[in-house]
Amino acid sequence: MPKMQSTHYYTIPYPNSNYGASDGISKPDCSIAKTPATSSSGRTDRPDPLEAFVSGRLKIIEDAIEQVSREIAEREALRDSMLHAIDKAMCDQKELLFQVAPHGSSPFTVGDSRRRSSIEKELATLEGEKRRETTSAWKDIAGLRRELRELIMDRDSERRRQQVVQP
């Protein structure tokens, strides 16, 4: 029956060290140092994984900053559009109100009190809607600006890391 040789999964990379291995087991020749392929400039052909990771993370953060900035601009445009539509509706209601009962002390200013009351309620509703839209837009934009500030701090931190990683 032939004697089985054990294969070590991990061999210590020192050519003259024996560290408990039997004399019958051959070790790989570690006297030849394996170096990565280098170009004429002395840098490796493959990019540094740490540098690639940092630059990839930096790219992701910069894309997120652009996206949040676009979202802020879109929310501001939506707010302006909504407020413009509310203002237009309020102008229409005020015009109807002036047609129903113009202001003044003339006996002709009495008008239809029920119609005037419904128009005034509609104006009050529109005012409330305008306040809610302004508040809602402020909350949305404030949250986006907070996120933008955090992303900018992350970007600056990643830029500092990239400067440390790059030689």
Protein backbone atom coordinates (compact mmCIF):
# COMPACT_ATOMS: atom_id res chain seq x y z
CA MET A 1 0.00 0.00 0.00
CA PRO A 2 1.52 3.35 -1.06
CA LYS A 3 2.14 5.98 1.55
CA MET A 4 -0.20 9.02 1.13
CA GLN A 5 1.34 12.43 1.24
CA SER A 6 -0.59 15.21 2.90
CA THR A 7 -1.04 18.44 1.02
CA HIS A 8 -0.89 21.60 3.03
CA TYR A 9 -3.51 24.19 2.14
CA TYR A 10 -1.36 26.98 3.38
CA THR A 11 2.37 27.00 2.92
CA ILE A 12 4.49 29.62 4.59
CA PRO A 13 6.31 31.57 1.84
CA TYR A 14 9.83 31.20 3.25
CA PRO A 15 12.10 28.88 1.26
CA ASN A 16 14.33 27.75 4.11
CA SER A 17 11.72 27.24 6.78
CA ASN A 18 10.48 23.76 7.46
CA TYR A 19 7.94 24.44 10.28
CA GLY A 20 7.03 20.88 11.04
CA ALA A 21 6.68 19.58 7.50
CA SER A 22 8.24 16.21 6.89
CA ASP A 23 11.33 16.02 4.74
CA GLY A 24 9.51 13.92 2.14
CA ILE A 25 7.02 16.66 1.27
CA SER A 26 8.16 19.08 -1.34
CA LYS A 27 7.48 22.75 -0.89
CA PRO A 28 6.93 25.29 -3.60
CA ASP A 29 9.96 27.34 -4.47
CA CYS A 30 9.36 30.72 -2.86
CA SER A 31 12.73 32.19 -3.67
CA ILE A 32 11.31 33.77 -6.83
CA ALA A 33 9.23 36.72 -5.84
CA LYS A 34 6.10 37.16 -7.89
CA THR A 35 5.49 40.80 -8.69
CA PRO A 36 2.50 42.24 -10.53
CA ALA A 37 3.00 43.25 -14.12
CA THR A 38 4.27 46.77 -14.20
CA SER A 39 4.30 49.27 -16.99
CA SER A 40 7.21 51.50 -17.86
CA SER A 41 5.95 54.15 -15.44
CA GLY A 42 6.19 51.71 -12.53
CA ARG A 43 2.43 51.50 -11.94
CA THR A 44 0.49 48.28 -12.22
CA ASP A 45 -1.63 47.61 -15.26
CA ARG A 46 -4.62 46.90 -13.09
CA PRO A 47 -6.16 49.79 -11.11
CA ASP A 48 -5.80 49.76 -7.38
CA PRO A 49 -8.98 48.16 -5.94
CA LEU A 50 -9.15 50.67 -3.09
CA GLU A 51 -8.78 53.59 -5.48
CA ALA A 52 -11.45 52.11 -7.76
CA PHE A 53 -13.78 51.63 -4.78
CA VAL A 54 -13.34 55.20 -3.55
CA SER A 55 -13.78 56.71 -7.02
CA GLY A 56 -16.86 54.54 -7.61
CA ARG A 57 -18.36 55.63 -4.31
CA LEU A 58 -17.54 59.26 -5.15
CA LYS A 59 -19.34 58.91 -8.50
CA ILE A 60 -22.42 57.45 -6.78
CA ILE A 61 -22.50 60.32 -4.27
CA GLU A 62 -22.11 62.95 -7.01
CA ASP A 63 -24.97 61.34 -8.97
CA ALA A 64 -27.12 61.40 -5.82
CA ILE A 65 -26.30 65.10 -5.30
CA GLU A 66 -27.42 65.86 -8.87
CA GLN A 67 -30.62 63.86 -8.37
CA VAL A 68 -31.51 65.59 -5.09
CA SER A 69 -30.78 69.00 -6.66
CA ARG A 70 -33.13 68.16 -9.55
CA GLU A 71 -35.80 67.01 -7.08
CA ILE A 72 -35.52 70.30 -5.18
CA ALA A 73 -35.90 72.29 -8.41
CA GLU A 74 -38.85 70.14 -9.50
CA ARG A 75 -40.55 70.55 -6.10
CA GLU A 76 -40.06 74.32 -6.22
CA ALA A 77 -41.50 74.40 -9.75
CA LEU A 78 -44.47 72.29 -8.63
CA ARG A 79 -45.03 74.58 -5.64
CA ASP A 80 -44.94 77.66 -7.87
CA SER A 81 -47.32 76.03 -10.34
CA MET A 82 -49.76 75.03 -7.60
CA LEU A 83 -49.65 78.47 -5.98
CA HIS A 84 -50.21 80.10 -9.37
CA ALA A 85 -53.26 77.89 -10.00
CA ILE A 86 -54.65 78.69 -6.54
CA ASP A 87 -54.08 82.42 -7.06
CA LYS A 88 -55.86 82.22 -10.41
CA ALA A 89 -58.82 80.42 -8.83
CA MET A 90 -58.92 83.05 -6.08
CA CYS A 91 -58.95 85.86 -8.67
CA ASP A 92 -61.84 84.16 -10.46
CA GLN A 93 -63.77 83.83 -7.20
CA LYS A 94 -63.09 87.46 -6.25
CA GLU A 95 -64.35 88.56 -9.65
CA LEU A 96 -67.54 86.59 -9.07
CA LEU A 97 -67.83 88.11 -5.61
CA PHE A 98 -67.55 91.65 -7.02
CA GLN A 99 -70.17 90.82 -9.63
CA VAL A 100 -72.60 89.50 -7.01
CA ALA A 101 -72.25 92.39 -4.60
CA PRO A 102 -69.86 95.23 -5.28
CA HIS A 103 -68.51 97.05 -2.25
CA GLY A 104 -69.90 100.41 -1.27
CA SER A 105 -72.76 102.04 0.64
CA SER A 106 -75.20 102.10 -2.27
CA PRO A 107 -78.53 100.24 -1.94
CA PHE A 108 -77.42 98.18 -4.97
CA THR A 109 -74.60 96.54 -3.02
CA VAL A 110 -76.88 94.17 -1.11
CA GLY A 111 -76.89 91.34 -3.72
CA ASP A 112 -77.61 87.67 -3.10
CA SER A 113 -76.34 86.87 0.40
CA ARG A 114 -76.35 83.06 -0.14
CA ARG A 115 -74.28 83.30 -3.30
CA ARG A 116 -71.92 85.79 -1.68
CA SER A 117 -71.52 83.49 1.31
CA SER A 118 -70.67 80.48 -0.87
CA ILE A 119 -68.08 82.51 -2.81
CA GLU A 120 -66.52 83.74 0.44
CA LYS A 121 -66.36 80.13 1.71
CA GLU A 122 -64.67 79.09 -1.52
CA LEU A 123 -62.15 81.93 -1.10
CA ALA A 124 -61.45 80.81 2.49
CA THR A 125 -60.98 77.23 1.27
CA LEU A 126 -58.54 78.38 -1.40
CA GLU A 127 -56.60 80.42 1.18
CA GLY A 128 -56.32 77.32 3.38
CA GLU A 129 -55.21 75.24 0.41
CA LYS A 130 -52.58 77.84 -0.39
CA ARG A 131 -51.25 77.73 3.18
CA ARG A 132 -51.19 73.90 3.16
CA GLU A 133 -49.36 73.82 -0.19
CA THR A 134 -46.78 76.36 1.03
CA THR A 135 -46.20 74.39 4.25
CA SER A 136 -46.04 71.04 2.46
CA ALA A 137 -43.58 72.37 -0.11
CA TRP A 138 -41.42 73.85 2.65
CA LYS A 139 -41.32 70.49 4.49
CA ASP A 140 -40.46 68.59 1.31
CA ILE A 141 -37.76 71.04 0.26
CA ALA A 142 -36.31 71.23 3.79
CA GLY A 143 -35.97 67.42 3.88
CA LEU A 144 -34.34 67.39 0.46
CA ARG A 145 -31.95 70.17 1.45
CA ARG A 146 -31.00 68.25 4.61
CA GLU A 147 -30.29 65.19 2.46
CA LEU A 148 -28.30 67.37 0.05
CA ARG A 149 -26.16 68.74 2.89
CA GLU A 150 -25.41 65.19 4.08
CA LEU A 151 -24.50 64.10 0.56
CA ILE A 152 -22.19 67.09 0.12
CA MET A 153 -20.43 66.23 3.40
CA ASP A 154 -20.10 62.60 2.22
CA ARG A 155 -18.71 63.79 -1.11
CA ASP A 156 -16.12 65.98 0.60
CA SER A 157 -15.14 63.10 2.86
CA GLU A 158 -14.77 60.76 -0.12
CA ARG A 159 -12.66 63.35 -1.94
CA ARG A 160 -10.33 63.52 1.06
CA ARG A 161 -10.13 59.70 1.09
CA GLN A 162 -9.39 59.71 -2.63
CA GLN A 163 -6.52 62.16 -2.09
CA VAL A 164 -5.09 59.87 0.59
CA VAL A 165 -5.43 56.76 -1.60
CA GLN A 166 -3.91 58.29 -4.73
CA PRO A 167 -0.12 58.55 -4.61
